[in-house]
Amino acid sequence: MNLLRRVSVNVPPARAEQPSAGMLDLFPTGFEEVDHEGSLELAAYTNSAGEERIWQAFGGARGSDVDTGWEERWRQFHKPSRVGELWIGPPWERPDADALPVVIDPGRAFGTGGHATTRLCLELLADEPRGSVLDVGCGSGILSIAAVRLGFAPVSGIDFDPQAVEATERNARDNGVDVTATLVDLRDDVLPEVDLALANIAAEAVLALGPKLRAARAITSGYLVSDEPDLEGYRRERRIGVDGWAADLHVRR
């Protein structure tokens, strides 16, 4: 039985920034935007649990079973991307011969890392001095795996979602890299001291993260260029953006 559903909402293009950010929170890198005359369709390929999350977030949605041939369309939707030395893509694509590969299977949830916020984090990460890394909200482990590929060590990931921790561990094994993933509640747990923290999360979560971090430097993203979340205890040293999304490099005061 095919349980995959295509679930979508339509929003006015002029007011699409916040809904797009909401979809990113629900399906990091795993949703598509389709332009229609007078509206923008935001759609995710997901199961019944994902459909329920969209309903709760948007107060309604349209859903339909994905018909015969969805496997090929799903593969067409998930294309590899290149960020400097890094190649990020699904297992059915062949990495560039001169690249450092990060291979993520989108069928295992959390997407393949093609979203602009992931690319922005990787662009900033590549310029950082090598050292220890903590990936906050590790999801599928894309940033953690990329950090190892770039020469950072040790690298660890944390998330409040057990499925994310499992996905990071599994993807790290599949990529042959050493990443430690841990289930953490930021409200109660103490974070480790590291040279660099990565957090591709929502702007509100970045605001709450500052007092918990014990990192000399931090890269944050997951929000729009119109958002400028202050990271308590840090000063913003650099900002980059693309397609309406932003990423910031913060340095401890």
Foldseek 3Di string as FASTA:
>chain_A
DQQKKKKKDKDFPVPCAVVVLVVCQLAPAAWDWDDDVRIIMIIGTDGPVSNVVVCVVPVDIDMDGDDPPVVVVSQVSWDWDDQPQEIWGEPVDDDDPRHLYQYAHCVLGRGGQPDFQSSQLLNVLLPDDAEEEEEEQCQQVRVQLSNVSSPHPDYEYEYQDPSRQVNNVVSCVVSVHDYHYDHDDLVDDADDAIAEYEEAHELVVQLVCQVRDNYQKYKYWSHFPVDDRDRPQWDWDDKDDDPRTIMTMTGGD
